[in-house]
Protein backbone atom coordinates (compact mmCIF):
# COMPACT_ATOMS: atom_id res chain seq x y z
CA MET A 1 0.00 0.00 0.00
CA LEU A 2 1.21 3.46 -0.91
CA ILE A 3 0.01 6.66 0.77
CA ARG A 4 0.38 9.76 -1.34
CA ALA A 5 -1.09 13.22 -1.80
CA ALA A 6 -4.51 13.05 -3.39
CA ALA A 7 -4.89 14.40 -6.91
CA ALA A 8 -8.07 15.86 -8.41
CA ASP A 9 -8.51 12.72 -10.53
CA ASP A 10 -8.67 10.58 -7.36
CA TRP A 11 -12.08 12.01 -6.48
CA PRO A 12 -14.09 9.61 -8.69
CA ARG A 13 -12.46 6.73 -6.77
CA ILE A 14 -13.03 8.33 -3.33
CA TRP A 15 -16.64 9.40 -3.85
CA PRO A 16 -18.26 5.91 -4.05
CA PHE A 17 -17.03 4.77 -0.62
CA LEU A 18 -17.34 8.22 0.94
CA ARG A 19 -20.98 8.32 -0.20
CA GLU A 20 -21.57 4.80 1.19
CA ILE A 21 -20.05 5.66 4.58
CA VAL A 22 -21.89 8.97 4.93
CA ALA A 23 -25.21 7.51 3.74
CA ALA A 24 -24.98 4.75 6.36
CA GLY A 25 -25.17 7.46 9.01
CA GLN A 26 -23.17 5.53 11.62
CA THR A 27 -19.83 7.35 11.84
CA TYR A 28 -19.94 10.81 10.26
CA THR A 29 -21.75 13.98 11.28
CA TRP A 30 -22.31 14.90 7.64
CA PRO A 31 -25.82 15.00 6.12
CA ARG A 32 -26.61 11.46 5.01
CA ASP A 33 -27.85 12.72 1.64
CA VAL A 34 -24.83 14.94 0.90
CA ASP A 35 -24.49 15.49 -2.83
CA GLU A 36 -21.28 14.87 -4.68
CA GLU A 37 -20.30 18.50 -5.22
CA ARG A 38 -20.77 19.41 -1.56
CA ALA A 39 -18.89 16.29 -0.46
CA ARG A 40 -16.03 17.13 -2.82
CA THR A 41 -15.78 20.63 -1.37
CA MET A 42 -15.87 19.29 2.20
CA TRP A 43 -13.27 16.57 1.59
CA LEU A 44 -10.80 18.00 -0.93
CA VAL A 45 -9.65 20.88 1.26
CA PRO A 46 -7.37 23.55 -0.20
CA PRO A 47 -3.84 24.21 1.07
CA PRO A 48 -2.57 24.54 3.69
CA GLY A 49 -4.87 21.57 4.35
CA ARG A 50 -3.76 18.22 3.00
CA VAL A 51 -5.61 15.28 1.53
CA VAL A 52 -4.00 11.88 1.05
CA VAL A 53 -5.07 8.56 -0.40
CA ALA A 54 -3.97 5.01 0.36
CA VAL A 55 -3.70 3.00 -2.84
CA ASP A 56 -3.01 -0.59 -3.79
CA PRO A 57 -0.23 -1.31 -6.30
CA ASP A 58 -2.90 -1.42 -9.03
CA GLY A 59 -4.03 2.12 -8.14
CA THR A 60 -7.23 1.16 -6.32
CA VAL A 61 -8.01 3.83 -3.70
CA LEU A 62 -8.47 2.02 -0.38
CA GLY A 63 -9.02 5.04 1.80
CA SER A 64 -8.42 8.73 2.21
CA ALA A 65 -7.68 11.24 4.94
CA LYS A 66 -7.67 14.99 5.26
CA LEU A 67 -5.58 17.15 7.60
CA VAL A 68 -6.50 20.70 8.58
CA ALA A 69 -6.07 23.07 11.49
CA ASN A 70 -8.69 22.36 14.15
CA GLN A 71 -9.29 26.08 14.74
CA LEU A 72 -8.24 29.39 13.24
CA GLY A 73 -5.93 32.04 14.66
CA PRO A 74 -4.53 31.27 18.11
CA GLY A 75 -5.85 27.69 17.92
CA ASP A 76 -4.25 26.81 14.60
CA HIS A 77 -1.38 24.89 16.20
CA VAL A 78 -3.72 21.93 16.87
CA ALA A 79 -4.49 19.70 13.90
CA ASN A 80 -7.72 17.96 13.03
CA ALA A 81 -8.07 15.03 10.66
CA SER A 82 -10.79 12.92 9.10
CA PHE A 83 -10.46 9.42 7.71
CA MET A 84 -12.52 7.26 5.37
CA VAL A 85 -11.63 3.68 4.49
CA ASP A 86 -13.50 1.84 1.78
CA PRO A 87 -15.56 -0.80 3.64
CA ALA A 88 -14.32 -3.34 1.05
CA ALA A 89 -10.76 -2.70 2.35
CA GLY A 90 -11.68 -2.97 6.03
CA GLY A 91 -9.43 -5.06 8.26
CA ARG A 92 -6.37 -4.57 6.04
CA GLY A 93 -4.63 -1.94 8.17
CA VAL A 94 -5.59 0.96 5.92
CA GLY A 95 -6.96 3.09 8.77
CA ARG A 96 -3.87 2.52 10.91
CA ALA A 97 -1.54 3.32 7.99
CA LEU A 98 -3.47 6.50 7.19
CA GLY A 99 -3.52 7.48 10.87
CA GLU A 100 0.22 7.02 11.30
CA HIS A 101 0.91 8.85 8.04
CA VAL A 102 -1.28 11.83 8.93
CA LEU A 103 0.26 12.08 12.40
CA GLY A 104 3.64 12.34 10.68
CA LEU A 105 2.36 15.01 8.30
CA ALA A 106 0.93 16.99 11.22
CA ARG A 107 4.29 16.86 13.03
CA ALA A 108 6.12 17.92 9.87
CA ASP A 109 3.68 20.82 9.41
CA GLY A 110 4.48 22.07 12.92
CA TYR A 111 1.27 21.15 14.71
CA ARG A 112 1.69 20.55 18.44
CA ALA A 113 -1.29 18.24 18.90
CA MET A 114 -4.17 16.59 17.07
CA GLN A 115 -7.79 16.65 18.14
CA PHE A 116 -10.83 14.78 16.86
CA ASN A 117 -14.01 16.69 17.69
CA ALA A 118 -16.65 14.09 16.96
CA VAL A 119 -15.76 10.40 17.21
CA VAL A 120 -19.01 8.45 17.48
CA ALA A 121 -18.81 6.43 20.70
CA THR A 122 -20.37 3.36 19.08
CA ASN A 123 -17.64 3.34 16.41
CA THR A 124 -15.59 1.00 18.58
CA ARG A 125 -13.07 0.11 15.87
CA ALA A 126 -12.16 3.76 15.38
CA VAL A 127 -12.04 4.47 19.11
CA ALA A 128 -9.73 1.48 19.63
CA LEU A 129 -7.51 2.52 16.72
CA TRP A 130 -7.15 6.09 17.96
CA ARG A 131 -6.42 4.92 21.50
CA SER A 132 -3.74 2.56 20.16
CA LEU A 133 -2.17 5.55 18.38
CA GLY A 134 -1.96 7.53 21.62
CA PHE A 135 -5.22 9.47 21.63
CA GLU A 136 -7.16 9.95 24.85
CA VAL A 137 -10.81 10.78 25.32
CA VAL A 138 -10.77 14.29 26.78
CA GLY A 139 -14.48 14.96 26.51
CA ARG A 140 -17.81 13.33 25.90
CA VAL A 141 -20.84 15.09 24.47
CA PRO A 142 -23.89 13.14 25.66
CA GLU A 143 -26.36 12.01 23.00
CA ALA A 144 -24.91 14.39 20.40
CA PHE A 145 -25.22 11.92 17.49
CA ARG A 146 -28.39 10.35 16.05
CA HIS A 147 -27.32 6.84 15.12
CA PRO A 148 -29.72 5.10 12.69
CA THR A 149 -30.02 1.94 14.81
CA GLU A 150 -28.64 2.83 18.26
CA GLY A 151 -30.57 6.09 18.70
CA TYR A 152 -28.90 9.00 20.46
CA VAL A 153 -25.28 8.15 21.27
CA ASP A 154 -22.33 10.14 22.61
CA LEU A 155 -19.67 11.91 20.61
CA LEU A 156 -16.13 11.70 21.93
CA VAL A 157 -13.50 14.42 21.77
CA MET A 158 -10.11 12.72 21.41
CA HIS A 159 -6.69 14.36 21.66
CA ARG A 160 -2.98 13.60 21.61
CA ARG A 161 0.15 15.70 21.73
CA LEU A 162 2.57 15.44 18.86
């Protein structure tokens, strides 16, 4: 697996799994019916943000991540990142590889920490992955997410120093 900067022509290979993940409504706080143009704008952030893709040797996009400042101005030294792994590539270490890669990019860009603002508490695989990469739960927002099958569940704020 290779992780590289995303190019504009990667979008048609990101959009199908991004749409599937968002439409499922289990892990992202995006509108479940987000249209392609809005999703593209939300995901393919302009510099100084970064977007990367994990690809197989044959060029298949397995997942993607974006890295941005969590806040503006005096809070811009803390990074924020989002990750999407094609469900068909689940269990292959794509999320871990993307996480490690983005942590390295954040360090290289001079961020002092990384914060996730909205990790769905029932997304146990993601919570376990982030904990294994050194993140701690620093806050819990009760019933802040409407899960399609679990009802109202908590959102976790996770953080780690770089």
